[in-house]
Amino acid sequence: MSIGVHNIGQGCVTCLDYDEHYILTFPNGYGRQVNALSILTVPWIELGGECSINCSKTGYNASIVFHTKPFYGGKKHRITAEIFSPNDKKPFCSIEGEWNGVMYAKYTTGENAVFIDTKKMPTIKKKVRKLEDQDDFESRCLWKDVTYNLK
């Protein structure tokens, strides 16, 4: 038993300190449960599918695969990725690990390193403008009634 959400479209992340804009696509989301007898298993959320990140200013790009857990065996939350220099067909770095845990980098130089450990990252509180300062079609303003009623 499962339910899936297929994300369509793209997002843009801007790094103001470097004047860089990154266009990215998103993985699909799944709510899973192994069998119909919910008392025997604990449901989980997982991501699956291919994504990309591209920076038009630098030309660097990444191809990311979120692997779903196989029906038998395997691990949850697996991710692999390749990072490419501008105009290169071969990646200079390969990433693997868990998207909600530790990811490891393997560089073409032969160096291996921890790419990121998400468990050690600090939680940063979002900075959001007050609702009265937002335009009518900004997400929090547009969905405020739904959010209120869900709470």
N, C-alpha and C. Protein backbone atom coordinates (compact mmCIF):
# COMPACT_ATOMS: atom_id res chain seq x y z
N MET A 1 0.85 -1.17 0.00
CA MET A 1 0.00 0.00 0.00
C MET A 1 0.89 1.23 0.00
N SER A 2 0.53 2.19 -0.85
CA SER A 2 1.30 3.42 -0.89
C SER A 2 0.51 4.51 -1.58
N ILE A 3 1.01 5.71 -1.43
CA ILE A 3 0.46 6.86 -2.14
C ILE A 3 1.65 7.64 -2.67
N GLY A 4 1.51 8.18 -3.87
CA GLY A 4 2.63 8.91 -4.47
C GLY A 4 2.22 10.31 -4.88
N VAL A 5 3.17 11.22 -4.77
CA VAL A 5 3.00 12.60 -5.23
C VAL A 5 4.09 12.87 -6.25
N HIS A 6 3.69 13.16 -7.48
CA HIS A 6 4.66 13.45 -8.53
C HIS A 6 4.81 14.96 -8.66
N ASN A 7 5.98 15.44 -8.32
CA ASN A 7 6.25 16.87 -8.37
C ASN A 7 6.57 17.30 -9.80
N ILE A 8 5.88 18.30 -10.26
CA ILE A 8 6.05 18.80 -11.61
C ILE A 8 6.56 20.23 -11.51
N GLY A 9 7.45 20.60 -12.40
CA GLY A 9 7.96 21.97 -12.41
C GLY A 9 9.37 22.05 -11.87
N GLN A 10 9.73 23.26 -11.50
CA GLN A 10 11.09 23.49 -11.02
C GLN A 10 11.09 24.62 -10.01
N GLY A 11 12.19 24.71 -9.28
CA GLY A 11 12.36 25.78 -8.31
C GLY A 11 13.63 26.56 -8.63
N CYS A 12 13.74 27.70 -8.02
CA CYS A 12 14.94 28.53 -8.20
C CYS A 12 15.46 28.92 -6.83
N VAL A 13 16.74 28.65 -6.59
CA VAL A 13 17.40 29.04 -5.35
C VAL A 13 18.46 30.06 -5.72
N THR A 14 18.48 31.18 -5.01
CA THR A 14 19.45 32.23 -5.28
C THR A 14 20.42 32.34 -4.11
N CYS A 15 21.72 32.30 -4.43
CA CYS A 15 22.76 32.54 -3.43
C CYS A 15 23.20 33.98 -3.59
N LEU A 16 22.69 34.84 -2.73
CA LEU A 16 22.93 36.28 -2.86
C LEU A 16 24.42 36.64 -2.75
N ASP A 17 25.15 35.95 -1.87
CA ASP A 17 26.57 36.27 -1.69
C ASP A 17 27.39 36.05 -2.96
N TYR A 18 26.94 35.16 -3.84
CA TYR A 18 27.69 34.83 -5.06
C TYR A 18 26.97 35.26 -6.33
N ASP A 19 25.79 35.84 -6.19
CA ASP A 19 24.96 36.22 -7.32
C ASP A 19 24.76 35.04 -8.27
N GLU A 20 24.43 33.88 -7.69
CA GLU A 20 24.20 32.66 -8.47
C GLU A 20 22.75 32.21 -8.30
N HIS A 21 22.19 31.73 -9.39
CA HIS A 21 20.82 31.22 -9.40
C HIS A 21 20.86 29.76 -9.82
N TYR A 22 20.24 28.92 -9.03
CA TYR A 22 20.21 27.48 -9.31
C TYR A 22 18.78 27.07 -9.63
N ILE A 23 18.61 26.42 -10.78
CA ILE A 23 17.32 25.87 -11.16
C ILE A 23 17.35 24.39 -10.80
N LEU A 24 16.32 23.94 -10.07
CA LEU A 24 16.32 22.55 -9.64
C LEU A 24 14.94 21.93 -9.82
N THR A 25 14.96 20.62 -10.02
CA THR A 25 13.72 19.84 -10.07
C THR A 25 13.64 19.03 -8.79
N PHE A 26 12.47 18.46 -8.53
CA PHE A 26 12.21 17.82 -7.24
C PHE A 26 11.92 16.33 -7.40
N PRO A 27 12.25 15.55 -6.36
CA PRO A 27 11.90 14.13 -6.41
C PRO A 27 10.42 13.93 -6.13
N ASN A 28 9.93 12.75 -6.45
CA ASN A 28 8.57 12.38 -6.10
C ASN A 28 8.54 11.97 -4.63
N GLY A 29 7.39 12.10 -4.00
CA GLY A 29 7.24 11.71 -2.60
C GLY A 29 6.28 10.54 -2.49
N TYR A 30 6.58 9.62 -1.58
CA TYR A 30 5.74 8.44 -1.40
C TYR A 30 5.48 8.18 0.08
N GLY A 31 4.26 7.85 0.40
CA GLY A 31 3.91 7.33 1.72
C GLY A 31 3.78 5.83 1.56
N ARG A 32 4.56 5.06 2.28
CA ARG A 32 4.61 3.61 2.07
C ARG A 32 4.18 2.83 3.31
N GLN A 33 3.68 1.65 3.02
CA GLN A 33 3.42 0.65 4.04
C GLN A 33 3.57 -0.70 3.35
N VAL A 34 4.34 -1.60 3.94
CA VAL A 34 4.68 -2.84 3.27
C VAL A 34 3.48 -3.72 2.98
N ASN A 35 2.56 -3.85 3.93
CA ASN A 35 1.40 -4.71 3.66
C ASN A 35 0.12 -4.09 4.19
N ALA A 36 -0.99 -4.73 3.89
CA ALA A 36 -2.29 -4.19 4.27
C ALA A 36 -2.57 -4.29 5.77
N LEU A 37 -1.83 -5.13 6.46
CA LEU A 37 -2.02 -5.26 7.90
C LEU A 37 -1.16 -4.23 8.62
N SER A 38 -1.71 -3.04 8.81
CA SER A 38 -0.91 -1.93 9.32
C SER A 38 -0.30 -2.19 10.69
N ILE A 39 -0.83 -3.15 11.44
CA ILE A 39 -0.26 -3.42 12.76
C ILE A 39 1.09 -4.14 12.67
N LEU A 40 1.42 -4.68 11.49
CA LEU A 40 2.66 -5.44 11.35
C LEU A 40 3.84 -4.58 10.90
N THR A 41 3.58 -3.42 10.33
CA THR A 41 4.66 -2.60 9.83
C THR A 41 4.45 -1.14 10.21
N VAL A 42 5.54 -0.40 10.22
CA VAL A 42 5.48 1.02 10.49
C VAL A 42 5.55 1.75 9.15
N PRO A 43 4.58 2.62 8.85
CA PRO A 43 4.62 3.36 7.58
C PRO A 43 5.81 4.32 7.55
N TRP A 44 6.26 4.66 6.35
CA TRP A 44 7.37 5.59 6.21
C TRP A 44 7.17 6.46 4.98
N ILE A 45 7.88 7.55 4.96
CA ILE A 45 7.88 8.47 3.82
C ILE A 45 9.19 8.27 3.08
N GLU A 46 9.14 8.24 1.76
CA GLU A 46 10.39 8.17 1.00
C GLU A 46 10.31 9.04 -0.24
N LEU A 47 11.47 9.36 -0.75
CA LEU A 47 11.59 10.14 -1.98
C LEU A 47 12.08 9.21 -3.08
N GLY A 48 11.69 9.48 -4.32
CA GLY A 48 12.12 8.65 -5.43
C GLY A 48 12.12 9.42 -6.73
N GLY A 49 13.02 9.05 -7.60
CA GLY A 49 13.07 9.67 -8.92
C GLY A 49 14.35 10.45 -9.16
N GLU A 50 14.42 11.01 -10.36
CA GLU A 50 15.61 11.76 -10.78
C GLU A 50 15.36 13.26 -10.68
N CYS A 51 16.41 13.98 -10.29
CA CYS A 51 16.36 15.44 -10.17
C CYS A 51 17.61 16.03 -10.79
N SER A 52 17.58 17.33 -10.99
CA SER A 52 18.77 18.01 -11.49
C SER A 52 18.91 19.37 -10.82
N ILE A 53 20.15 19.84 -10.75
CA ILE A 53 20.46 21.19 -10.27
C ILE A 53 21.39 21.80 -11.29
N ASN A 54 21.05 23.00 -11.77
CA ASN A 54 21.86 23.67 -12.80
C ASN A 54 22.10 25.13 -12.42
N CYS A 55 23.34 25.58 -12.61
CA CYS A 55 23.68 26.98 -12.39
C CYS A 55 24.11 27.57 -13.73
N SER A 56 23.31 28.49 -14.26
CA SER A 56 23.62 29.07 -15.57
C SER A 56 24.86 29.96 -15.53
N LYS A 57 25.14 30.58 -14.39
CA LYS A 57 26.29 31.48 -14.28
C LYS A 57 27.61 30.71 -14.36
N THR A 58 27.71 29.60 -13.61
CA THR A 58 28.97 28.85 -13.56
C THR A 58 29.02 27.70 -14.56
N GLY A 59 27.84 27.18 -14.93
CA GLY A 59 27.79 26.03 -15.83
C GLY A 59 27.87 24.70 -15.10
N TYR A 60 28.06 24.73 -13.79
CA TYR A 60 28.10 23.48 -13.02
C TYR A 60 26.68 22.91 -12.93
N ASN A 61 26.59 21.59 -12.91
CA ASN A 61 25.29 20.95 -12.78
C ASN A 61 25.43 19.60 -12.08
N ALA A 62 24.32 19.14 -11.54
CA ALA A 62 24.31 17.86 -10.84
C ALA A 62 23.08 17.06 -11.27
N SER A 63 23.28 15.75 -11.32
CA SER A 63 22.20 14.81 -11.61
C SER A 63 22.04 13.95 -10.36
N ILE A 64 20.83 13.89 -9.83
CA ILE A 64 20.59 13.23 -8.54
C ILE A 64 19.51 12.16 -8.72
N VAL A 65 19.72 11.01 -8.09
CA VAL A 65 18.71 9.94 -8.12
C VAL A 65 18.37 9.58 -6.67
N PHE A 66 17.08 9.69 -6.36
CA PHE A 66 16.57 9.23 -5.07
C PHE A 66 16.03 7.82 -5.32
N HIS A 67 16.63 6.84 -4.64
CA HIS A 67 16.27 5.44 -4.85
C HIS A 67 15.19 5.01 -3.86
N THR A 68 14.11 4.42 -4.37
CA THR A 68 13.08 3.91 -3.48
C THR A 68 13.50 2.53 -2.98
N LYS A 69 12.99 2.16 -1.83
CA LYS A 69 13.33 0.88 -1.23
C LYS A 69 12.68 -0.24 -2.04
N PRO A 70 13.47 -1.26 -2.40
CA PRO A 70 12.89 -2.41 -3.09
C PRO A 70 11.89 -3.13 -2.17
N PHE A 71 10.99 -3.90 -2.78
CA PHE A 71 9.98 -4.62 -2.00
C PHE A 71 10.63 -5.57 -1.00
N TYR A 72 11.67 -6.29 -1.43
CA TYR A 72 12.40 -7.18 -0.54
C TYR A 72 13.82 -6.66 -0.36
N GLY A 73 14.26 -6.60 0.88
CA GLY A 73 15.63 -6.17 1.16
C GLY A 73 15.85 -4.71 0.84
N GLY A 74 17.12 -4.36 0.69
CA GLY A 74 17.45 -2.98 0.35
C GLY A 74 17.30 -2.03 1.52
N LYS A 75 17.72 -0.79 1.29
CA LYS A 75 17.68 0.24 2.33
C LYS A 75 16.77 1.37 1.90
N LYS A 76 16.26 2.07 2.91
CA LYS A 76 15.43 3.25 2.66
C LYS A 76 16.33 4.49 2.52
N HIS A 77 15.83 5.50 1.86
CA HIS A 77 16.42 6.84 1.80
C HIS A 77 17.76 6.93 1.07
N ARG A 78 18.03 6.01 0.15
CA ARG A 78 19.29 6.03 -0.60
C ARG A 78 19.30 7.13 -1.66
N ILE A 79 20.48 7.68 -1.87
CA ILE A 79 20.66 8.72 -2.88
C ILE A 79 22.01 8.52 -3.57
N THR A 80 22.03 8.77 -4.87
CA THR A 80 23.29 8.83 -5.61
C THR A 80 23.24 10.10 -6.46
N ALA A 81 24.41 10.66 -6.72
CA ALA A 81 24.46 11.89 -7.51
C ALA A 81 25.79 11.99 -8.22
N GLU A 82 25.80 12.77 -9.29
CA GLU A 82 27.03 13.07 -10.01
C GLU A 82 27.06 14.57 -10.25
N ILE A 83 28.26 15.15 -10.04
CA ILE A 83 28.43 16.60 -10.22
C ILE A 83 29.37 16.82 -11.40
N PHE A 84 28.96 17.71 -12.30
CA PHE A 84 29.69 17.95 -13.54
C PHE A 84 30.21 19.38 -13.62
N SER A 85 31.42 19.52 -14.13
CA SER A 85 31.97 20.84 -14.46
C SER A 85 31.34 21.32 -15.76
N PRO A 86 31.43 22.62 -16.03
CA PRO A 86 30.86 23.13 -17.29
C PRO A 86 31.41 22.39 -18.51
N ASN A 87 30.52 21.99 -19.40
CA ASN A 87 30.84 21.35 -20.67
C ASN A 87 31.50 19.98 -20.55
N ASP A 88 31.56 19.38 -19.36
CA ASP A 88 32.15 18.05 -19.19
C ASP A 88 31.07 16.98 -19.26
N LYS A 89 31.42 15.84 -19.87
CA LYS A 89 30.50 14.71 -19.98
C LYS A 89 30.67 13.73 -18.81
N LYS A 90 31.86 13.77 -18.19
CA LYS A 90 32.14 12.89 -17.06
C LYS A 90 32.10 13.69 -15.77
N PRO A 91 31.52 13.11 -14.72
CA PRO A 91 31.45 13.84 -13.44
C PRO A 91 32.82 13.92 -12.77
N PHE A 92 33.06 15.01 -12.04
CA PHE A 92 34.29 15.11 -11.26
C PHE A 92 34.07 14.63 -9.83
N CYS A 93 32.79 14.38 -9.49
CA CYS A 93 32.47 13.93 -8.14
C CYS A 93 31.23 13.05 -8.18
N SER A 94 31.25 11.95 -7.45
CA SER A 94 30.08 11.08 -7.29
C SER A 94 29.71 11.04 -5.82
N ILE A 95 28.43 11.07 -5.55
CA ILE A 95 27.92 11.10 -4.18
C ILE A 95 27.05 9.87 -3.97
N GLU A 96 27.12 9.29 -2.77
CA GLU A 96 26.18 8.24 -2.40
C GLU A 96 25.99 8.23 -0.90
N GLY A 97 24.84 7.72 -0.49
CA GLY A 97 24.54 7.66 0.94
C GLY A 97 23.04 7.76 1.16
N GLU A 98 22.66 8.39 2.25
CA GLU A 98 21.26 8.57 2.60
C GLU A 98 20.94 10.05 2.63
N TRP A 99 19.83 10.44 1.98
CA TRP A 99 19.49 11.86 1.90
C TRP A 99 19.14 12.45 3.26
N ASN A 100 18.79 11.63 4.22
CA ASN A 100 18.48 12.12 5.55
C ASN A 100 19.53 11.67 6.57
N GLY A 101 20.72 11.33 6.09
CA GLY A 101 21.80 10.88 6.96
C GLY A 101 23.14 11.37 6.45
N VAL A 102 24.05 10.44 6.23
CA VAL A 102 25.40 10.80 5.78
C VAL A 102 25.54 10.48 4.29
N MET A 103 26.13 11.43 3.55
CA MET A 103 26.45 11.23 2.14
C MET A 103 27.96 11.32 1.98
N TYR A 104 28.50 10.46 1.13
CA TYR A 104 29.94 10.39 0.91
C TYR A 104 30.28 10.80 -0.51
N ALA A 105 31.38 11.52 -0.66
CA ALA A 105 31.83 11.99 -1.98
C ALA A 105 33.05 11.19 -2.41
N LYS A 106 33.09 10.87 -3.70
CA LYS A 106 34.24 10.21 -4.31
C LYS A 106 34.64 11.07 -5.51
N TYR A 107 35.84 11.66 -5.44
CA TYR A 107 36.31 12.57 -6.48
C TYR A 107 37.18 11.82 -7.49
N THR A 108 37.29 12.36 -8.70
CA THR A 108 38.11 11.73 -9.74
C THR A 108 39.59 11.76 -9.37
N THR A 109 39.97 12.60 -8.41
CA THR A 109 41.35 12.66 -7.93
C THR A 109 41.70 11.45 -7.06
N GLY A 110 40.65 10.67 -6.70
CA GLY A 110 40.86 9.52 -5.82
C GLY A 110 40.51 9.82 -4.37
N GLU A 111 40.27 11.08 -4.07
CA GLU A 111 39.93 11.47 -2.70
C GLU A 111 38.50 11.02 -2.37
N ASN A 112 38.33 10.49 -1.17
CA ASN A 112 37.01 10.13 -0.64
C ASN A 112 36.79 10.93 0.64
N ALA A 113 35.59 11.46 0.83
CA ALA A 113 35.32 12.29 2.00
C ALA A 113 33.84 12.27 2.32
N VAL A 114 33.52 12.66 3.55
CA VAL A 114 32.13 12.87 3.91
C VAL A 114 31.68 14.13 3.16
N PHE A 115 30.62 14.01 2.38
CA PHE A 115 30.10 15.16 1.64
C PHE A 115 29.25 16.02 2.57
N ILE A 116 28.34 15.36 3.30
CA ILE A 116 27.52 16.06 4.28
C ILE A 116 26.93 15.04 5.24
N ASP A 117 26.81 15.45 6.49
CA ASP A 117 26.15 14.65 7.51
C ASP A 117 24.94 15.46 7.98
N THR A 118 23.77 15.12 7.46
CA THR A 118 22.58 15.92 7.75
C THR A 118 22.19 15.86 9.23
N LYS A 119 22.59 14.82 9.93
CA LYS A 119 22.25 14.70 11.35
C LYS A 119 23.02 15.71 12.20
N LYS A 120 24.14 16.21 11.69
CA LYS A 120 24.96 17.18 12.43
C LYS A 120 24.69 18.62 12.02
N MET A 121 23.81 18.81 11.04
CA MET A 121 23.50 20.16 10.59
C MET A 121 22.60 20.87 11.59
N PRO A 122 22.87 22.14 11.85
CA PRO A 122 21.99 22.87 12.77
C PRO A 122 20.64 23.17 12.11
N THR A 123 19.62 23.25 12.93
CA THR A 123 18.30 23.65 12.44
C THR A 123 18.27 25.17 12.39
N ILE A 124 17.89 25.70 11.24
CA ILE A 124 17.85 27.15 11.07
C ILE A 124 16.39 27.57 10.90
N LYS A 125 15.97 28.49 11.73
CA LYS A 125 14.59 28.96 11.68
C LYS A 125 14.37 29.79 10.41
N LYS A 126 13.24 29.55 9.75
CA LYS A 126 12.90 30.28 8.53
C LYS A 126 12.66 31.75 8.85
N LYS A 127 13.02 32.59 7.89
CA LYS A 127 12.70 34.01 8.00
C LYS A 127 11.62 34.29 6.96
N VAL A 128 10.44 34.63 7.44
CA VAL A 128 9.30 34.84 6.56
C VAL A 128 8.66 36.18 6.90
N ARG A 129 8.30 36.93 5.86
CA ARG A 129 7.61 38.19 6.10
C ARG A 129 6.25 37.94 6.74
N LYS A 130 5.77 38.90 7.52
CA LYS A 130 4.45 38.80 8.13
C LYS A 130 3.40 38.67 7.04
N LEU A 131 2.32 37.96 7.34
CA LEU A 131 1.26 37.75 6.36
C LEU A 131 0.73 39.05 5.78
N GLU A 132 0.58 40.06 6.62
CA GLU A 132 0.04 41.33 6.14
C GLU A 132 0.99 42.06 5.19
N ASP A 133 2.27 41.64 5.17
CA ASP A 133 3.25 42.24 4.27
C ASP A 133 3.43 41.45 2.97
N GLN A 134 2.73 40.32 2.86
CA GLN A 134 2.85 39.47 1.68
C GLN A 134 1.80 39.82 0.63
N ASP A 135 2.14 39.57 -0.62
CA ASP A 135 1.18 39.74 -1.71
C ASP A 135 0.14 38.63 -1.64
N ASP A 136 -1.00 38.84 -2.29
CA ASP A 136 -2.11 37.89 -2.24
C ASP A 136 -1.75 36.49 -2.71
N PHE A 137 -0.84 36.37 -3.67
CA PHE A 137 -0.53 35.06 -4.22
C PHE A 137 0.78 34.47 -3.70
N GLU A 138 1.36 35.05 -2.65
CA GLU A 138 2.51 34.40 -2.00
C GLU A 138 1.97 33.22 -1.21
N SER A 139 2.74 32.16 -1.16
CA SER A 139 2.28 30.86 -0.67
C SER A 139 1.60 30.93 0.70
N ARG A 140 2.24 31.50 1.68
CA ARG A 140 1.66 31.50 3.03
C ARG A 140 0.38 32.33 3.09
N CYS A 141 0.34 33.41 2.34
CA CYS A 141 -0.87 34.23 2.31
C CYS A 141 -2.00 33.49 1.58
N LEU A 142 -1.67 32.90 0.47
CA LEU A 142 -2.66 32.19 -0.34
C LEU A 142 -3.27 31.00 0.40
N TRP A 143 -2.45 30.29 1.16
CA TRP A 143 -2.89 29.06 1.83
C TRP A 143 -3.20 29.25 3.31
N LYS A 144 -3.28 30.48 3.78
CA LYS A 144 -3.44 30.72 5.23
C LYS A 144 -4.70 30.09 5.80
N ASP A 145 -5.81 30.11 5.06
CA ASP A 145 -7.05 29.52 5.57
C ASP A 145 -6.94 28.00 5.67
N VAL A 146 -6.30 27.38 4.70
CA VAL A 146 -6.10 25.93 4.73
C VAL A 146 -5.21 25.57 5.92
N THR A 147 -4.12 26.30 6.10
CA THR A 147 -3.20 26.05 7.22
C THR A 147 -3.92 26.19 8.54
N TYR A 148 -4.70 27.25 8.67
CA TYR A 148 -5.45 27.48 9.91
C TYR A 148 -6.39 26.31 10.21
N ASN A 149 -7.13 25.87 9.19
CA ASN A 149 -8.09 24.79 9.41
C ASN A 149 -7.42 23.43 9.63
N LEU A 150 -6.24 23.22 9.07
CA LEU A 150 -5.51 21.98 9.34
C LEU A 150 -5.04 21.95 10.80
N LYS A 151 -4.62 23.11 11.30
CA LYS A 151 -4.20 23.17 12.70
C LYS A 151 -5.37 22.90 13.61
